Amino acid sequence: MGARLEMLLVMQWLEDGADEDGEVPLSVAWAAGELGLEPGRSGMLAVMGALGELEDRRLVRVAWPSGTGGSEAHVTLADELRRDARRLFGRS
């Protein structure tokens, strides 16, 4: 699950213009739907768990503007992840 969410975040970041800061706004409910997870609480919890996994692996930093009970996250991709994505998708 973590790898699928990682790819979703990278694709969203690239679509948003691949800014230098690596910031990606994320609707947890939207991500759950995109990943084919069950709607509602269980899908959202799975996405939140995957975000935690990616954060533990230091691939992202996650901020919750409305607290962890909110459904919107601000995700910052790690430098290494951004560099790899640029190289893989031909962006310098």
C-alpha atoms as a PDB file:
ATOM      1  CA  MET A   1       0.000   0.000   0.000  1.00  0.00           C
ATOM      2  CA  GLY A   2       2.813   2.398   0.868  1.00  0.00           C
ATOM      3  CA  ALA A   3       4.408   2.076  -2.574  1.00  0.00           C
ATOM      4  CA  ARG A   4       1.096   2.745  -4.324  1.00  0.00           C
ATOM      5  CA  LEU A   5       0.492   5.847  -2.214  1.00  0.00           C
ATOM      6  CA  GLU A   6       4.079   6.973  -2.817  1.00  0.00           C
ATOM      7  CA  MET A   7       3.502   6.770  -6.583  1.00  0.00           C
ATOM      8  CA  LEU A   8       0.179   8.601  -6.284  1.00  0.00           C
ATOM      9  CA  LEU A   9       1.880  11.412  -4.363  1.00  0.00           C
ATOM     10  CA  VAL A  10       4.704  11.655  -6.889  1.00  0.00           C
ATOM     11  CA  MET A  11       2.259  11.783  -9.796  1.00  0.00           C
ATOM     12  CA  GLN A  12       0.203  14.483  -8.076  1.00  0.00           C
ATOM     13  CA  TRP A  13       3.364  16.485  -7.354  1.00  0.00           C
ATOM     14  CA  LEU A  14       4.447  16.228 -11.001  1.00  0.00           C
ATOM     15  CA  GLU A  15       0.971  17.208 -12.246  1.00  0.00           C
ATOM     16  CA  ASP A  16       1.022  20.219  -9.913  1.00  0.00           C
ATOM     17  CA  GLY A  17       4.255  21.459 -11.503  1.00  0.00           C
ATOM     18  CA  ALA A  18       6.931  19.673  -9.429  1.00  0.00           C
ATOM     19  CA  ASP A  19       7.759  22.657  -7.236  1.00  0.00           C
ATOM     20  CA  GLU A  20      11.119  22.780  -5.491  1.00  0.00           C
ATOM     21  CA  ASP A  21       9.580  22.443  -2.031  1.00  0.00           C
ATOM     22  CA  GLY A  22       8.009  19.080  -2.859  1.00  0.00           C
ATOM     23  CA  GLU A  23       4.700  20.037  -1.286  1.00  0.00           C
ATOM     24  CA  VAL A  24       1.599  18.042  -2.172  1.00  0.00           C
ATOM     25  CA  PRO A  25      -1.846  18.826  -0.736  1.00  0.00           C
ATOM     26  CA  LEU A  26      -3.658  15.550  -0.135  1.00  0.00           C
ATOM     27  CA  SER A  27      -7.284  14.769   0.460  1.00  0.00           C
ATOM     28  CA  VAL A  28      -7.204  11.472   2.332  1.00  0.00           C
ATOM     29  CA  ALA A  29     -10.659  10.506   1.042  1.00  0.00           C
ATOM     30  CA  TRP A  30      -9.610  11.233  -2.561  1.00  0.00           C
ATOM     31  CA  ALA A  31      -6.431   9.150  -2.142  1.00  0.00           C
ATOM     32  CA  ALA A  32      -8.459   6.248  -0.742  1.00  0.00           C
ATOM     33  CA  GLY A  33     -10.726   6.364  -3.788  1.00  0.00           C
ATOM     34  CA  GLU A  34      -7.803   6.581  -6.220  1.00  0.00           C
ATOM     35  CA  LEU A  35      -6.195   3.565  -4.562  1.00  0.00           C
ATOM     36  CA  GLY A  36      -9.397   1.547  -4.831  1.00  0.00           C
ATOM     37  CA  LEU A  37      -9.918   1.310  -1.086  1.00  0.00           C
ATOM     38  CA  GLU A  38     -13.257   1.009   0.637  1.00  0.00           C
ATOM     39  CA  PRO A  39     -14.990   4.354   1.020  1.00  0.00           C
ATOM     40  CA  GLY A  40     -15.324   5.827   4.441  1.00  0.00           C
ATOM     41  CA  ARG A  41     -13.365   5.357   7.607  1.00  0.00           C
ATOM     42  CA  SER A  42     -11.540   2.108   6.761  1.00  0.00           C
ATOM     43  CA  GLY A  43     -10.125   3.457   3.502  1.00  0.00           C
ATOM     44  CA  MET A  44      -9.092   6.725   5.102  1.00  0.00           C
ATOM     45  CA  LEU A  45      -7.369   4.890   7.964  1.00  0.00           C
ATOM     46  CA  ALA A  46      -5.475   2.755   5.455  1.00  0.00           C
ATOM     47  CA  VAL A  47      -4.219   5.891   3.691  1.00  0.00           C
ATOM     48  CA  MET A  48      -3.246   7.475   7.006  1.00  0.00           C
ATOM     49  CA  GLY A  49      -1.372   4.298   7.960  1.00  0.00           C
ATOM     50  CA  ALA A  50       0.450   4.302   4.628  1.00  0.00           C
ATOM     51  CA  LEU A  51       1.398   7.952   5.142  1.00  0.00           C
ATOM     52  CA  GLY A  52       2.836   6.984   8.525  1.00  0.00           C
ATOM     53  CA  GLU A  53       4.823   4.191   6.887  1.00  0.00           C
ATOM     54  CA  LEU A  54       6.235   6.560   4.271  1.00  0.00           C
ATOM     55  CA  GLU A  55       7.075   9.049   6.998  1.00  0.00           C
ATOM     56  CA  ASP A  56       8.862   6.339   9.020  1.00  0.00           C
ATOM     57  CA  ARG A  57      10.915   5.556   5.913  1.00  0.00           C
ATOM     58  CA  ARG A  58      11.694   9.297   5.627  1.00  0.00           C
ATOM     59  CA  LEU A  59      10.231   9.546   2.154  1.00  0.00           C
ATOM     60  CA  VAL A  60       7.695  12.188   3.182  1.00  0.00           C
ATOM     61  CA  ARG A  61       6.838  14.628   5.953  1.00  0.00           C
ATOM     62  CA  VAL A  62       3.174  14.924   6.812  1.00  0.00           C
ATOM     63  CA  ALA A  63       1.403  17.859   8.451  1.00  0.00           C
ATOM     64  CA  TRP A  64      -2.239  17.825   9.483  1.00  0.00           C
ATOM     65  CA  PRO A  65      -3.544  21.434   9.448  1.00  0.00           C
ATOM     66  CA  SER A  66      -6.796  20.397  11.158  1.00  0.00           C
ATOM     67  CA  GLY A  67      -5.159  17.830  13.433  1.00  0.00           C
ATOM     68  CA  THR A  68      -4.921  14.105  12.771  1.00  0.00           C
ATOM     69  CA  GLY A  69      -8.702  13.860  12.785  1.00  0.00           C
ATOM     70  CA  GLY A  70      -8.833  15.983   9.640  1.00  0.00           C
ATOM     71  CA  SER A  71      -9.109  14.601   6.158  1.00  0.00           C
ATOM     72  CA  GLU A  72      -6.619  16.980   4.565  1.00  0.00           C
ATOM     73  CA  ALA A  73      -2.876  16.500   4.810  1.00  0.00           C
ATOM     74  CA  HIS A  74       0.047  18.566   3.597  1.00  0.00           C
ATOM     75  CA  VAL A  75       2.717  16.166   2.393  1.00  0.00           C
ATOM     76  CA  THR A  76       6.293  17.150   1.589  1.00  0.00           C
ATOM     77  CA  LEU A  77       8.258  14.722  -0.545  1.00  0.00           C
ATOM     78  CA  ALA A  78      11.843  14.027   0.538  1.00  0.00           C
ATOM     79  CA  ASP A  79      14.675  15.419  -1.594  1.00  0.00           C
ATOM     80  CA  GLU A  80      15.726  11.917  -2.655  1.00  0.00           C
ATOM     81  CA  LEU A  81      12.213  11.027  -3.796  1.00  0.00           C
ATOM     82  CA  ARG A  82      11.890  14.258  -5.788  1.00  0.00           C
ATOM     83  CA  ARG A  83      15.285  13.722  -7.412  1.00  0.00           C
ATOM     84  CA  ASP A  84      14.403  10.141  -8.396  1.00  0.00           C
ATOM     85  CA  ALA A  85      11.006  11.232  -9.765  1.00  0.00           C
ATOM     86  CA  ARG A  86      12.567  13.981 -11.876  1.00  0.00           C
ATOM     87  CA  ARG A  87      15.123  11.565 -13.272  1.00  0.00           C
ATOM     88  CA  LEU A  88      12.531   8.851 -13.942  1.00  0.00           C
ATOM     89  CA  PHE A  89      10.009  11.159 -15.591  1.00  0.00           C
ATOM     90  CA  GLY A  90      12.501  13.323 -17.482  1.00  0.00           C
ATOM     91  CA  ARG A  91      12.168  16.506 -15.480  1.00  0.00           C
ATOM     92  CA  SER A  92      15.296  18.423 -14.509  1.00  0.00           C
END
